[in-house]
Amino acid sequence: MLFIIYLVLGYWAAGQTIFKNKVIISFRFGGAFLYRLIAACFLGWILIPVAIIKMLFFHN
C-alpha cells in the first residue's frame, strides 16, 4: 500500500519537476506513461520533496 502511494506521489512529482513543459513522444502504447512511472520509481525519493518545495515557494 505504501509503495502505491509512493508511486502516485512520485509520478506527480516527476511531472512537476523533470517533465514540466516537455512533450514526450512514444511510438509504443503506454510508453510515455511507463517512462514517467520508471522515473517516479527510481527518483521519487528526491523528486517528491523537490516538487513539494516548488509548490510551496514558487506558485507557477
PDB file of N, CA and C in Angstrom:
ATOM      1  N   MET A   1       0.829  -1.190   0.000  1.00  0.00           N
ATOM      2  CA  MET A   1       0.000   0.000   0.000  1.00  0.00           C
ATOM      3  C   MET A   1       0.878   1.260   0.000  1.00  0.00           C
ATOM      4  N   LEU A   2       1.916   1.253   0.807  1.00  0.00           N
ATOM      5  CA  LEU A   2       2.815   2.407   0.847  1.00  0.00           C
ATOM      6  C   LEU A   2       3.553   2.590  -0.476  1.00  0.00           C
ATOM      7  N   PHE A   3       3.866   1.476  -1.140  1.00  0.00           N
ATOM      8  CA  PHE A   3       4.559   1.568  -2.419  1.00  0.00           C
ATOM      9  C   PHE A   3       3.665   2.206  -3.480  1.00  0.00           C
ATOM     10  N   ILE A   4       2.372   1.915  -3.441  1.00  0.00           N
ATOM     11  CA  ILE A   4       1.443   2.512  -4.396  1.00  0.00           C
ATOM     12  C   ILE A   4       1.337   4.016  -4.156  1.00  0.00           C
ATOM     13  N   ILE A   5       1.260   4.421  -2.899  1.00  0.00           N
ATOM     14  CA  ILE A   5       1.224   5.852  -2.564  1.00  0.00           C
ATOM     15  C   ILE A   5       2.521   6.523  -3.012  1.00  0.00           C
ATOM     16  N   TYR A   6       3.643   5.844  -2.793  1.00  0.00           N
ATOM     17  CA  TYR A   6       4.946   6.363  -3.226  1.00  0.00           C
ATOM     18  C   TYR A   6       4.980   6.554  -4.743  1.00  0.00           C
ATOM     19  N   LEU A   7       4.449   5.577  -5.495  1.00  0.00           N
ATOM     20  CA  LEU A   7       4.435   5.690  -6.952  1.00  0.00           C
ATOM     21  C   LEU A   7       3.534   6.824  -7.427  1.00  0.00           C
ATOM     22  N   VAL A   8       2.384   6.988  -6.793  1.00  0.00           N
ATOM     23  CA  VAL A   8       1.474   8.061  -7.189  1.00  0.00           C
ATOM     24  C   VAL A   8       2.113   9.417  -6.921  1.00  0.00           C
ATOM     25  N   LEU A   9       2.674   9.590  -5.734  1.00  0.00           N
ATOM     26  CA  LEU A   9       3.345  10.853  -5.408  1.00  0.00           C
ATOM     27  C   LEU A   9       4.573  11.073  -6.294  1.00  0.00           C
ATOM     28  N   GLY A  10       5.320  10.018  -6.564  1.00  0.00           N
ATOM     29  CA  GLY A  10       6.482  10.130  -7.438  1.00  0.00           C
ATOM     30  C   GLY A  10       6.103  10.466  -8.859  1.00  0.00           C
ATOM     31  N   TYR A  11       5.002   9.901  -9.341  1.00  0.00           N
ATOM     32  CA  TYR A  11       4.511  10.211 -10.692  1.00  0.00           C
ATOM     33  C   TYR A  11       4.128  11.681 -10.781  1.00  0.00           C
ATOM     34  N   TRP A  12       3.428  12.164  -9.766  1.00  0.00           N
ATOM     35  CA  TRP A  12       3.058  13.585  -9.728  1.00  0.00           C
ATOM     36  C   TRP A  12       4.306  14.460  -9.662  1.00  0.00           C
ATOM     37  N   ALA A  13       5.261  14.081  -8.797  1.00  0.00           N
ATOM     38  CA  ALA A  13       6.477  14.871  -8.630  1.00  0.00           C
ATOM     39  C   ALA A  13       7.325  14.869  -9.904  1.00  0.00           C
ATOM     40  N   ALA A  14       7.377  13.760 -10.598  1.00  0.00           N
ATOM     41  CA  ALA A  14       8.120  13.716 -11.858  1.00  0.00           C
ATOM     42  C   ALA A  14       7.499  14.662 -12.877  1.00  0.00           C
ATOM     43  N   GLY A  15       6.185  14.742 -12.881  1.00  0.00           N
ATOM     44  CA  GLY A  15       5.507  15.669 -13.779  1.00  0.00           C
ATOM     45  C   GLY A  15       5.751  17.117 -13.417  1.00  0.00           C
ATOM     46  N   GLN A  16       5.940  17.403 -12.142  1.00  0.00           N
ATOM     47  CA  GLN A  16       6.162  18.770 -11.687  1.00  0.00           C
ATOM     48  C   GLN A  16       7.623  19.213 -11.829  1.00  0.00           C
ATOM     49  N   THR A  17       8.553  18.269 -11.904  1.00  0.00           N
ATOM     50  CA  THR A  17       9.972  18.627 -11.924  1.00  0.00           C
ATOM     51  C   THR A  17      10.631  18.284 -13.260  1.00  0.00           C
ATOM     52  N   ILE A  18      10.804  17.028 -13.546  1.00  0.00           N
ATOM     53  CA  ILE A  18      11.562  16.600 -14.724  1.00  0.00           C
ATOM     54  C   ILE A  18      10.805  16.891 -16.022  1.00  0.00           C
ATOM     55  N   PHE A  19       9.529  16.562 -16.053  1.00  0.00           N
ATOM     56  CA  PHE A  19       8.765  16.609 -17.299  1.00  0.00           C
ATOM     57  C   PHE A  19       7.901  17.854 -17.439  1.00  0.00           C
ATOM     58  N   LYS A  20       8.116  18.859 -16.608  1.00  0.00           N
ATOM     59  CA  LYS A  20       7.326  20.078 -16.716  1.00  0.00           C
ATOM     60  C   LYS A  20       7.724  20.817 -17.994  1.00  0.00           C
ATOM     61  N   ASN A  21       6.740  21.243 -18.760  1.00  0.00           N
ATOM     62  CA  ASN A  21       6.915  21.965 -20.024  1.00  0.00           C
ATOM     63  C   ASN A  21       7.666  21.158 -21.080  1.00  0.00           C
ATOM     64  N   LYS A  22       7.497  19.843 -21.063  1.00  0.00           N
ATOM     65  CA  LYS A  22       8.132  18.981 -22.055  1.00  0.00           C
ATOM     66  C   LYS A  22       7.072  18.108 -22.707  1.00  0.00           C
ATOM     67  N   VAL A  23       7.290  17.780 -23.951  1.00  0.00           N
ATOM     68  CA  VAL A  23       6.408  16.880 -24.677  1.00  0.00           C
ATOM     69  C   VAL A  23       7.148  15.565 -24.860  1.00  0.00           C
ATOM     70  N   ILE A  24       6.527  14.479 -24.442  1.00  0.00           N
ATOM     71  CA  ILE A  24       7.128  13.158 -24.578  1.00  0.00           C
ATOM     72  C   ILE A  24       6.396  12.427 -25.690  1.00  0.00           C
ATOM     73  N   ILE A  25       7.143  11.982 -26.688  1.00  0.00           N
ATOM     74  CA  ILE A  25       6.561  11.252 -27.813  1.00  0.00           C
ATOM     75  C   ILE A  25       7.042   9.815 -27.730  1.00  0.00           C
ATOM     76  N   SER A  26       6.089   8.896 -27.752  1.00  0.00           N
ATOM     77  CA  SER A  26       6.424   7.483 -27.713  1.00  0.00           C
ATOM     78  C   SER A  26       5.626   6.768 -28.788  1.00  0.00           C
ATOM     79  N   PHE A  27       6.245   5.836 -29.448  1.00  0.00           N
ATOM     80  CA  PHE A  27       5.577   5.094 -30.507  1.00  0.00           C
ATOM     81  C   PHE A  27       4.950   3.807 -29.995  1.00  0.00           C
ATOM     82  N   ARG A  28       5.201   3.464 -28.753  1.00  0.00           N
ATOM     83  CA  ARG A  28       4.578   2.287 -28.147  1.00  0.00           C
ATOM     84  C   ARG A  28       3.402   2.722 -27.301  1.00  0.00           C
ATOM     85  N   PHE A  29       2.397   1.884 -27.197  1.00  0.00           N
ATOM     86  CA  PHE A  29       1.229   2.176 -26.380  1.00  0.00           C
ATOM     87  C   PHE A  29       1.637   2.194 -24.911  1.00  0.00           C
ATOM     88  N   GLY A  30       1.437   3.319 -24.243  1.00  0.00           N
ATOM     89  CA  GLY A  30       1.778   3.447 -22.826  1.00  0.00           C
ATOM     90  C   GLY A  30       3.246   3.732 -22.574  1.00  0.00           C
ATOM     91  N   GLY A  31       4.002   3.987 -23.606  1.00  0.00           N
ATOM     92  CA  GLY A  31       5.442   4.201 -23.458  1.00  0.00           C
ATOM     93  C   GLY A  31       5.775   5.440 -22.649  1.00  0.00           C
ATOM     94  N   ALA A  32       5.061   6.525 -22.900  1.00  0.00           N
ATOM     95  CA  ALA A  32       5.309   7.767 -22.162  1.00  0.00           C
ATOM     96  C   ALA A  32       4.915   7.607 -20.697  1.00  0.00           C
ATOM     97  N   PHE A  33       3.830   6.890 -20.452  1.00  0.00           N
ATOM     98  CA  PHE A  33       3.398   6.622 -19.080  1.00  0.00           C
ATOM     99  C   PHE A  33       4.441   5.809 -18.334  1.00  0.00           C
ATOM    100  N   LEU A  34       4.943   4.760 -18.971  1.00  0.00           N
ATOM    101  CA  LEU A  34       5.947   3.917 -18.319  1.00  0.00           C
ATOM    102  C   LEU A  34       7.257   4.667 -18.092  1.00  0.00           C
ATOM    103  N   TYR A  35       7.641   5.526 -19.022  1.00  0.00           N
ATOM    104  CA  TYR A  35       8.854   6.319 -18.880  1.00  0.00           C
ATOM    105  C   TYR A  35       8.772   7.195 -17.629  1.00  0.00           C
ATOM    106  N   ARG A  36       7.619   7.844 -17.445  1.00  0.00           N
ATOM    107  CA  ARG A  36       7.414   8.708 -16.284  1.00  0.00           C
ATOM    108  C   ARG A  36       7.279   7.886 -15.005  1.00  0.00           C
ATOM    109  N   LEU A  37       6.652   6.712 -15.092  1.00  0.00           N
ATOM    110  CA  LEU A  37       6.493   5.852 -13.927  1.00  0.00           C
ATOM    111  C   LEU A  37       7.830   5.287 -13.458  1.00  0.00           C
ATOM    112  N   ILE A  38       8.695   4.943 -14.384  1.00  0.00           N
ATOM    113  CA  ILE A  38      10.022   4.439 -14.019  1.00  0.00           C
ATOM    114  C   ILE A  38      10.847   5.548 -13.376  1.00  0.00           C
ATOM    115  N   ALA A  39      10.746   6.751 -13.906  1.00  0.00           N
ATOM    116  CA  ALA A  39      11.435   7.881 -13.277  1.00  0.00           C
ATOM    117  C   ALA A  39      10.897   8.111 -11.876  1.00  0.00           C
ATOM    118  N   ALA A  40       9.596   7.964 -11.686  1.00  0.00           N
ATOM    119  CA  ALA A  40       8.986   8.131 -10.367  1.00  0.00           C
ATOM    120  C   ALA A  40       9.461   7.053  -9.407  1.00  0.00           C
ATOM    121  N   CYS A  41       9.603   5.851  -9.895  1.00  0.00           N
ATOM    122  CA  CYS A  41      10.016   4.737  -9.045  1.00  0.00           C
ATOM    123  C   CYS A  41      11.455   4.905  -8.554  1.00  0.00           C
ATOM    124  N   PHE A  42      12.357   5.258  -9.461  1.00  0.00           N
ATOM    125  CA  PHE A  42      13.770   5.338  -9.089  1.00  0.00           C
ATOM    126  C   PHE A  42      14.168   6.682  -8.475  1.00  0.00           C
ATOM    127  N   LEU A  43      13.516   7.768  -8.877  1.00  0.00           N
ATOM    128  CA  LEU A  43      13.920   9.090  -8.402  1.00  0.00           C
ATOM    129  C   LEU A  43      12.896   9.743  -7.484  1.00  0.00           C
ATOM    130  N   GLY A  44      11.860   9.017  -7.126  1.00  0.00           N
ATOM    131  CA  GLY A  44      10.801   9.585  -6.298  1.00  0.00           C
ATOM    132  C   GLY A  44      11.282  10.091  -4.954  1.00  0.00           C
ATOM    133  N   TRP A  45      12.273   9.445  -4.382  1.00  0.00           N
ATOM    134  CA  TRP A  45      12.765   9.839  -3.060  1.00  0.00           C
ATOM    135  C   TRP A  45      13.326  11.251  -3.062  1.00  0.00           C
ATOM    136  N   ILE A  46      13.822  11.724  -4.190  1.00  0.00           N
ATOM    137  CA  ILE A  46      14.320  13.094  -4.271  1.00  0.00           C
ATOM    138  C   ILE A  46      13.317  14.021  -4.961  1.00  0.00           C
ATOM    139  N   LEU A  47      12.521  13.493  -5.905  1.00  0.00           N
ATOM    140  CA  LEU A  47      11.587  14.341  -6.635  1.00  0.00           C
ATOM    141  C   LEU A  47      10.409  14.802  -5.783  1.00  0.00           C
ATOM    142  N   ILE A  48       9.937  13.964  -4.870  1.00  0.00           N
ATOM    143  CA  ILE A  48       8.777  14.329  -4.052  1.00  0.00           C
ATOM    144  C   ILE A  48       9.077  15.547  -3.184  1.00  0.00           C
ATOM    145  N   PRO A  49      10.177  15.572  -2.413  1.00  0.00           N
ATOM    146  CA  PRO A  49      10.453  16.792  -1.636  1.00  0.00           C
ATOM    147  C   PRO A  49      10.703  18.024  -2.499  1.00  0.00           C
ATOM    148  N   VAL A  50      11.376  17.848  -3.641  1.00  0.00           N
ATOM    149  CA  VAL A  50      11.642  18.987  -4.523  1.00  0.00           C
ATOM    150  C   VAL A  50      10.332  19.547  -5.076  1.00  0.00           C
ATOM    151  N   ALA A  51       9.411  18.677  -5.475  1.00  0.00           N
ATOM    152  CA  ALA A  51       8.126  19.129  -6.018  1.00  0.00           C
ATOM    153  C   ALA A  51       7.297  19.834  -4.949  1.00  0.00           C
ATOM    154  N   ILE A  52       7.345  19.346  -3.724  1.00  0.00           N
ATOM    155  CA  ILE A  52       6.601  19.996  -2.629  1.00  0.00           C
ATOM    156  C   ILE A  52       7.184  21.375  -2.342  1.00  0.00           C
ATOM    157  N   ILE A  53       8.504  21.480  -2.330  1.00  0.00           N
ATOM    158  CA  ILE A  53       9.139  22.785  -2.098  1.00  0.00           C
ATOM    159  C   ILE A  53       8.805  23.745  -3.231  1.00  0.00           C
ATOM    160  N   LYS A  54       8.846  23.255  -4.494  1.00  0.00           N
ATOM    161  CA  LYS A  54       8.476  24.111  -5.616  1.00  0.00           C
ATOM    162  C   LYS A  54       7.022  24.571  -5.502  1.00  0.00           C
ATOM    163  N   MET A  55       6.144  23.676  -5.057  1.00  0.00           N
ATOM    164  CA  MET A  55       4.738  24.023  -4.938  1.00  0.00           C
ATOM    165  C   MET A  55       4.523  25.076  -3.857  1.00  0.00           C
ATOM    166  N   LEU A  56       5.269  24.990  -2.775  1.00  0.00           N
ATOM    167  CA  LEU A  56       5.090  25.925  -1.661  1.00  0.00           C
ATOM    168  C   LEU A  56       5.681  27.313  -1.952  1.00  0.00           C
ATOM    169  N   PHE A  57       6.838  27.365  -2.581  1.00  0.00           N
ATOM    170  CA  PHE A  57       7.552  28.629  -2.741  1.00  0.00           C
ATOM    171  C   PHE A  57       7.411  29.269  -4.115  1.00  0.00           C
ATOM    172  N   PHE A  58       7.215  28.469  -5.148  1.00  0.00           N
ATOM    173  CA  PHE A  58       7.111  29.008  -6.495  1.00  0.00           C
ATOM    174  C   PHE A  58       5.739  28.656  -7.055  1.00  0.00           C
ATOM    175  N   HIS A  59       4.849  29.604  -7.049  1.00  0.00           N
ATOM    176  CA  HIS A  59       3.463  29.365  -7.473  1.00  0.00           C
ATOM    177  C   HIS A  59       3.315  29.538  -8.977  1.00  0.00           C
ATOM    178  N   ASN A  60       3.946  28.649  -9.745  1.00  0.00           N
ATOM    179  CA  ASN A  60       3.855  28.706 -11.214  1.00  0.00           C
ATOM    180  C   ASN A  60       2.930  27.644 -11.692  1.00  0.00           C
TER     181      ASN A  60
END
